[in-house]
Amino acid sequence: MAELSRLPVPVADVWEWQYQGACREADPQLFFHPEGERGPARHKRDAAAVAVCAGCPVMDQCREHGLSVREPYGVWGGLTEEDREAIYSAERKERREARKNAQLREAS
């Protein structure tokens, strides 16, 4: 489930970008995998969704939304679930390394 506390306030201006999304003309099932979908079928569907995103005028806003609220499912702003998880993982690694470096500096 999305982290609701991270969702922006429900002001029309904040969400207005969604009306311009290229995904509004596509099948919503393209962006969210059915239960149990794996392997080549999932990669093919994800690639088709990402292709829709590639030509989207609000891809950056969509991507920012997906990352900021940590959308757990679907393709958001051209990023698949796996893409977003890789970003989160890299962020966690950077934070761990920063803490480790800070501790080493304090110990010196």
N, C-alpha and C. Protein backbone atom coordinates (compact mmCIF):
# COMPACT_ATOMS: atom_id res chain seq x y z
N MET A 1 0.84 -1.17 0.00
CA MET A 1 0.00 0.00 0.00
C MET A 1 0.89 1.24 0.00
N ALA A 2 0.46 2.26 -0.71
CA ALA A 2 1.21 3.51 -0.78
C ALA A 2 1.29 4.14 0.61
N GLU A 3 2.36 4.87 0.85
CA GLU A 3 2.55 5.56 2.12
C GLU A 3 1.69 6.82 2.08
N LEU A 4 0.48 6.74 2.65
CA LEU A 4 -0.49 7.82 2.55
C LEU A 4 -0.03 9.11 3.19
N SER A 5 0.77 9.03 4.21
CA SER A 5 1.24 10.26 4.86
C SER A 5 2.13 11.08 3.94
N ARG A 6 2.63 10.46 2.89
CA ARG A 6 3.50 11.17 1.95
C ARG A 6 2.72 11.77 0.79
N LEU A 7 1.43 11.47 0.70
CA LEU A 7 0.63 12.00 -0.40
C LEU A 7 0.45 13.50 -0.26
N PRO A 8 0.50 14.22 -1.38
CA PRO A 8 0.27 15.67 -1.31
C PRO A 8 -1.16 15.96 -0.87
N VAL A 9 -1.35 17.17 -0.42
CA VAL A 9 -2.69 17.58 -0.01
C VAL A 9 -3.62 17.55 -1.21
N PRO A 10 -4.92 17.31 -0.99
CA PRO A 10 -5.86 17.19 -2.12
C PRO A 10 -6.27 18.55 -2.69
N VAL A 11 -5.33 19.22 -3.32
CA VAL A 11 -5.60 20.50 -3.97
C VAL A 11 -5.51 20.26 -5.47
N ALA A 12 -6.50 20.76 -6.20
CA ALA A 12 -6.57 20.50 -7.65
C ALA A 12 -5.26 20.85 -8.36
N ASP A 13 -4.63 21.95 -7.96
CA ASP A 13 -3.39 22.36 -8.62
C ASP A 13 -2.30 21.31 -8.49
N VAL A 14 -2.27 20.61 -7.38
CA VAL A 14 -1.25 19.60 -7.14
C VAL A 14 -1.44 18.40 -8.06
N TRP A 15 -2.68 18.07 -8.36
CA TRP A 15 -3.00 16.89 -9.16
C TRP A 15 -3.33 17.19 -10.62
N GLU A 16 -3.36 18.44 -10.99
CA GLU A 16 -3.77 18.84 -12.33
C GLU A 16 -2.98 18.14 -13.43
N TRP A 17 -1.70 17.86 -13.19
CA TRP A 17 -0.84 17.23 -14.19
C TRP A 17 -1.41 15.90 -14.66
N GLN A 18 -2.16 15.21 -13.82
CA GLN A 18 -2.67 13.89 -14.18
C GLN A 18 -3.62 13.93 -15.38
N TYR A 19 -4.28 15.07 -15.58
CA TYR A 19 -5.18 15.18 -16.73
C TYR A 19 -4.43 15.16 -18.06
N GLN A 20 -3.14 15.44 -18.03
CA GLN A 20 -2.34 15.50 -19.25
C GLN A 20 -1.57 14.20 -19.52
N GLY A 21 -1.71 13.21 -18.65
CA GLY A 21 -0.96 11.98 -18.77
C GLY A 21 -1.29 11.18 -20.02
N ALA A 22 -0.28 10.69 -20.69
CA ALA A 22 -0.47 9.84 -21.87
C ALA A 22 -1.19 8.55 -21.50
N CYS A 23 -1.07 8.14 -20.26
CA CYS A 23 -1.70 6.90 -19.79
C CYS A 23 -3.23 6.99 -19.79
N ARG A 24 -3.77 8.19 -19.81
CA ARG A 24 -5.23 8.34 -19.81
C ARG A 24 -5.86 7.76 -21.07
N GLU A 25 -5.07 7.64 -22.12
CA GLU A 25 -5.58 7.09 -23.38
C GLU A 25 -5.24 5.61 -23.53
N ALA A 26 -4.55 5.04 -22.56
CA ALA A 26 -4.12 3.64 -22.62
C ALA A 26 -4.95 2.78 -21.67
N ASP A 27 -4.88 1.49 -21.87
CA ASP A 27 -5.55 0.53 -21.00
C ASP A 27 -4.87 0.55 -19.64
N PRO A 28 -5.60 0.84 -18.56
CA PRO A 28 -4.97 0.89 -17.23
C PRO A 28 -4.29 -0.43 -16.84
N GLN A 29 -4.77 -1.54 -17.36
CA GLN A 29 -4.17 -2.83 -17.03
C GLN A 29 -2.75 -2.95 -17.56
N LEU A 30 -2.40 -2.09 -18.49
CA LEU A 30 -1.04 -2.09 -19.03
C LEU A 30 -0.03 -1.67 -17.95
N PHE A 31 -0.46 -0.84 -17.01
CA PHE A 31 0.44 -0.26 -16.02
C PHE A 31 0.54 -1.03 -14.70
N PHE A 32 -0.35 -2.01 -14.51
CA PHE A 32 -0.37 -2.79 -13.27
C PHE A 32 -0.45 -4.26 -13.60
N HIS A 33 0.46 -5.05 -13.05
CA HIS A 33 0.52 -6.47 -13.39
C HIS A 33 -0.61 -7.25 -12.71
N PRO A 34 -1.16 -8.21 -13.44
CA PRO A 34 -2.14 -9.08 -12.80
C PRO A 34 -1.46 -10.02 -11.82
N GLU A 35 -2.21 -10.53 -10.88
CA GLU A 35 -1.65 -11.42 -9.87
C GLU A 35 -0.97 -12.62 -10.54
N GLY A 36 0.23 -12.89 -10.10
CA GLY A 36 0.97 -14.05 -10.59
C GLY A 36 1.73 -13.83 -11.88
N GLU A 37 1.64 -12.66 -12.50
CA GLU A 37 2.36 -12.42 -13.74
C GLU A 37 3.86 -12.32 -13.48
N ARG A 38 4.63 -13.09 -14.25
CA ARG A 38 6.08 -13.11 -14.07
C ARG A 38 6.77 -13.27 -15.42
N GLY A 39 8.08 -13.19 -15.37
CA GLY A 39 8.90 -13.51 -16.53
C GLY A 39 8.65 -12.66 -17.75
N PRO A 40 8.73 -13.29 -18.94
CA PRO A 40 8.62 -12.54 -20.19
C PRO A 40 7.31 -11.76 -20.34
N ALA A 41 6.22 -12.33 -19.85
CA ALA A 41 4.93 -11.63 -19.97
C ALA A 41 4.96 -10.31 -19.20
N ARG A 42 5.51 -10.36 -18.01
CA ARG A 42 5.58 -9.15 -17.19
C ARG A 42 6.54 -8.13 -17.80
N HIS A 43 7.68 -8.60 -18.27
CA HIS A 43 8.65 -7.69 -18.89
C HIS A 43 8.06 -7.04 -20.14
N LYS A 44 7.31 -7.80 -20.91
CA LYS A 44 6.70 -7.27 -22.13
C LYS A 44 5.66 -6.21 -21.80
N ARG A 45 4.81 -6.47 -20.79
CA ARG A 45 3.79 -5.51 -20.40
C ARG A 45 4.44 -4.25 -19.83
N ASP A 46 5.45 -4.44 -18.95
CA ASP A 46 6.16 -3.29 -18.39
C ASP A 46 6.79 -2.44 -19.49
N ALA A 47 7.41 -3.09 -20.46
CA ALA A 47 8.06 -2.36 -21.56
C ALA A 47 7.04 -1.56 -22.36
N ALA A 48 5.86 -2.12 -22.57
CA ALA A 48 4.81 -1.40 -23.29
C ALA A 48 4.34 -0.19 -22.48
N ALA A 49 4.22 -0.35 -21.18
CA ALA A 49 3.81 0.77 -20.32
C ALA A 49 4.87 1.86 -20.32
N VAL A 50 6.12 1.46 -20.20
CA VAL A 50 7.23 2.42 -20.20
C VAL A 50 7.27 3.16 -21.53
N ALA A 51 6.94 2.49 -22.62
CA ALA A 51 6.91 3.14 -23.94
C ALA A 51 5.84 4.23 -23.98
N VAL A 52 4.70 3.99 -23.35
CA VAL A 52 3.66 5.02 -23.27
C VAL A 52 4.19 6.21 -22.49
N CYS A 53 4.86 5.91 -21.39
CA CYS A 53 5.43 6.98 -20.54
C CYS A 53 6.47 7.81 -21.29
N ALA A 54 7.21 7.18 -22.16
CA ALA A 54 8.31 7.87 -22.86
C ALA A 54 7.82 9.09 -23.63
N GLY A 55 6.61 9.04 -24.12
CA GLY A 55 6.07 10.17 -24.88
C GLY A 55 5.13 11.05 -24.07
N CYS A 56 5.15 10.91 -22.77
CA CYS A 56 4.21 11.62 -21.92
C CYS A 56 4.72 13.00 -21.53
N PRO A 57 3.87 14.03 -21.66
CA PRO A 57 4.31 15.39 -21.31
C PRO A 57 4.47 15.62 -19.80
N VAL A 58 3.91 14.73 -18.98
CA VAL A 58 4.00 14.91 -17.52
C VAL A 58 4.75 13.76 -16.85
N MET A 59 5.65 13.13 -17.61
CA MET A 59 6.38 11.98 -17.07
C MET A 59 7.18 12.36 -15.82
N ASP A 60 7.80 13.52 -15.80
CA ASP A 60 8.60 13.92 -14.64
C ASP A 60 7.75 14.08 -13.38
N GLN A 61 6.59 14.71 -13.52
CA GLN A 61 5.70 14.87 -12.38
C GLN A 61 5.20 13.52 -11.88
N CYS A 62 4.88 12.63 -12.81
CA CYS A 62 4.41 11.30 -12.46
C CYS A 62 5.50 10.51 -11.74
N ARG A 63 6.70 10.59 -12.26
CA ARG A 63 7.84 9.90 -11.64
C ARG A 63 8.08 10.44 -10.24
N GLU A 64 8.06 11.76 -10.09
CA GLU A 64 8.26 12.37 -8.78
C GLU A 64 7.18 11.90 -7.79
N HIS A 65 5.94 11.83 -8.28
CA HIS A 65 4.86 11.34 -7.42
C HIS A 65 5.12 9.90 -6.99
N GLY A 66 5.39 9.03 -7.96
CA GLY A 66 5.61 7.62 -7.66
C GLY A 66 6.72 7.40 -6.65
N LEU A 67 7.79 8.17 -6.77
CA LEU A 67 8.92 8.02 -5.85
C LEU A 67 8.63 8.65 -4.49
N SER A 68 7.97 9.80 -4.49
CA SER A 68 7.77 10.50 -3.22
C SER A 68 6.78 9.78 -2.31
N VAL A 69 5.77 9.13 -2.89
CA VAL A 69 4.81 8.41 -2.04
C VAL A 69 5.12 6.92 -1.98
N ARG A 70 6.22 6.54 -2.66
CA ARG A 70 6.66 5.14 -2.68
C ARG A 70 5.54 4.20 -3.16
N GLU A 71 5.01 4.54 -4.34
CA GLU A 71 3.98 3.69 -4.95
C GLU A 71 4.53 2.27 -5.04
N PRO A 72 3.84 1.31 -4.45
CA PRO A 72 4.37 -0.05 -4.45
C PRO A 72 4.06 -0.85 -5.71
N TYR A 73 3.07 -0.41 -6.47
CA TYR A 73 2.64 -1.18 -7.64
C TYR A 73 2.58 -0.32 -8.88
N GLY A 74 2.79 -0.96 -10.01
CA GLY A 74 2.58 -0.30 -11.29
C GLY A 74 3.77 0.44 -11.83
N VAL A 75 3.56 0.98 -13.02
CA VAL A 75 4.56 1.80 -13.70
C VAL A 75 4.15 3.25 -13.49
N TRP A 76 5.07 4.04 -12.95
CA TRP A 76 4.83 5.46 -12.68
C TRP A 76 5.98 6.26 -13.26
N GLY A 77 5.68 7.18 -14.15
CA GLY A 77 6.72 8.03 -14.72
C GLY A 77 7.81 7.26 -15.44
N GLY A 78 7.44 6.15 -16.03
CA GLY A 78 8.41 5.35 -16.78
C GLY A 78 9.25 4.43 -15.91
N LEU A 79 8.94 4.36 -14.62
CA LEU A 79 9.68 3.47 -13.72
C LEU A 79 8.79 2.30 -13.29
N THR A 80 9.32 1.10 -13.45
CA THR A 80 8.61 -0.09 -13.00
C THR A 80 8.79 -0.24 -11.49
N GLU A 81 8.08 -1.21 -10.93
CA GLU A 81 8.24 -1.51 -9.50
C GLU A 81 9.70 -1.82 -9.18
N GLU A 82 10.33 -2.60 -10.05
CA GLU A 82 11.72 -2.98 -9.84
C GLU A 82 12.65 -1.78 -9.96
N ASP A 83 12.36 -0.88 -10.90
CA ASP A 83 13.17 0.33 -11.05
C ASP A 83 13.12 1.18 -9.79
N ARG A 84 11.91 1.35 -9.28
CA ARG A 84 11.76 2.17 -8.06
C ARG A 84 12.45 1.51 -6.88
N GLU A 85 12.31 0.19 -6.76
CA GLU A 85 12.96 -0.51 -5.65
C GLU A 85 14.48 -0.37 -5.74
N ALA A 86 15.03 -0.39 -6.94
CA ALA A 86 16.48 -0.20 -7.10
C ALA A 86 16.89 1.20 -6.65
N ILE A 87 16.07 2.19 -6.93
CA ILE A 87 16.35 3.56 -6.48
C ILE A 87 16.30 3.63 -4.96
N TYR A 88 15.26 3.04 -4.37
CA TYR A 88 15.13 3.04 -2.90
C TYR A 88 16.33 2.33 -2.26
N SER A 89 16.73 1.22 -2.86
CA SER A 89 17.85 0.45 -2.34
C SER A 89 19.14 1.28 -2.38
N ALA A 90 19.36 1.97 -3.49
CA ALA A 90 20.55 2.82 -3.63
C ALA A 90 20.51 3.95 -2.60
N GLU A 91 19.32 4.52 -2.37
CA GLU A 91 19.19 5.58 -1.36
C GLU A 91 19.52 5.05 0.03
N ARG A 92 19.02 3.84 0.35
CA ARG A 92 19.31 3.24 1.66
C ARG A 92 20.81 3.01 1.81
N LYS A 93 21.45 2.53 0.75
CA LYS A 93 22.89 2.27 0.78
C LYS A 93 23.65 3.57 1.02
N GLU A 94 23.26 4.63 0.33
CA GLU A 94 23.92 5.92 0.52
C GLU A 94 23.78 6.42 1.95
N ARG A 95 22.57 6.25 2.53
CA ARG A 95 22.36 6.68 3.91
C ARG A 95 23.21 5.86 4.88
N ARG A 96 23.29 4.54 4.64
CA ARG A 96 24.12 3.69 5.50
C ARG A 96 25.58 4.13 5.43
N GLU A 97 26.07 4.36 4.22
CA GLU A 97 27.46 4.77 4.04
C GLU A 97 27.72 6.13 4.68
N ALA A 98 26.77 7.04 4.56
CA ALA A 98 26.93 8.36 5.18
C ALA A 98 26.99 8.24 6.70
N ARG A 99 26.13 7.40 7.28
CA ARG A 99 26.17 7.18 8.73
C ARG A 99 27.50 6.56 9.16
N LYS A 100 27.95 5.58 8.37
CA LYS A 100 29.21 4.90 8.68
C LYS A 100 30.36 5.90 8.63
N ASN A 101 30.39 6.73 7.59
CA ASN A 101 31.45 7.73 7.47
C ASN A 101 31.40 8.74 8.61
N ALA A 102 30.20 9.14 9.01
CA ALA A 102 30.05 10.08 10.12
C ALA A 102 30.56 9.46 11.41
N GLN A 103 30.26 8.18 11.61
CA GLN A 103 30.74 7.49 12.82
C GLN A 103 32.26 7.38 12.82
N LEU A 104 32.85 7.11 11.65
CA LEU A 104 34.30 7.03 11.55
C LEU A 104 34.95 8.36 11.84
N ARG A 105 34.34 9.46 11.36
CA ARG A 105 34.89 10.79 11.63
C ARG A 105 34.80 11.12 13.12
N GLU A 106 33.70 10.73 13.75
CA GLU A 106 33.53 10.98 15.19
C GLU A 106 34.53 10.19 16.01
N ALA A 107 34.85 8.98 15.56
CA ALA A 107 35.78 8.11 16.28
C ALA A 107 37.22 8.57 16.15
N SER A 108 37.50 9.36 15.11
CA SER A 108 38.89 9.81 14.86
C SER A 108 39.29 10.93 15.77
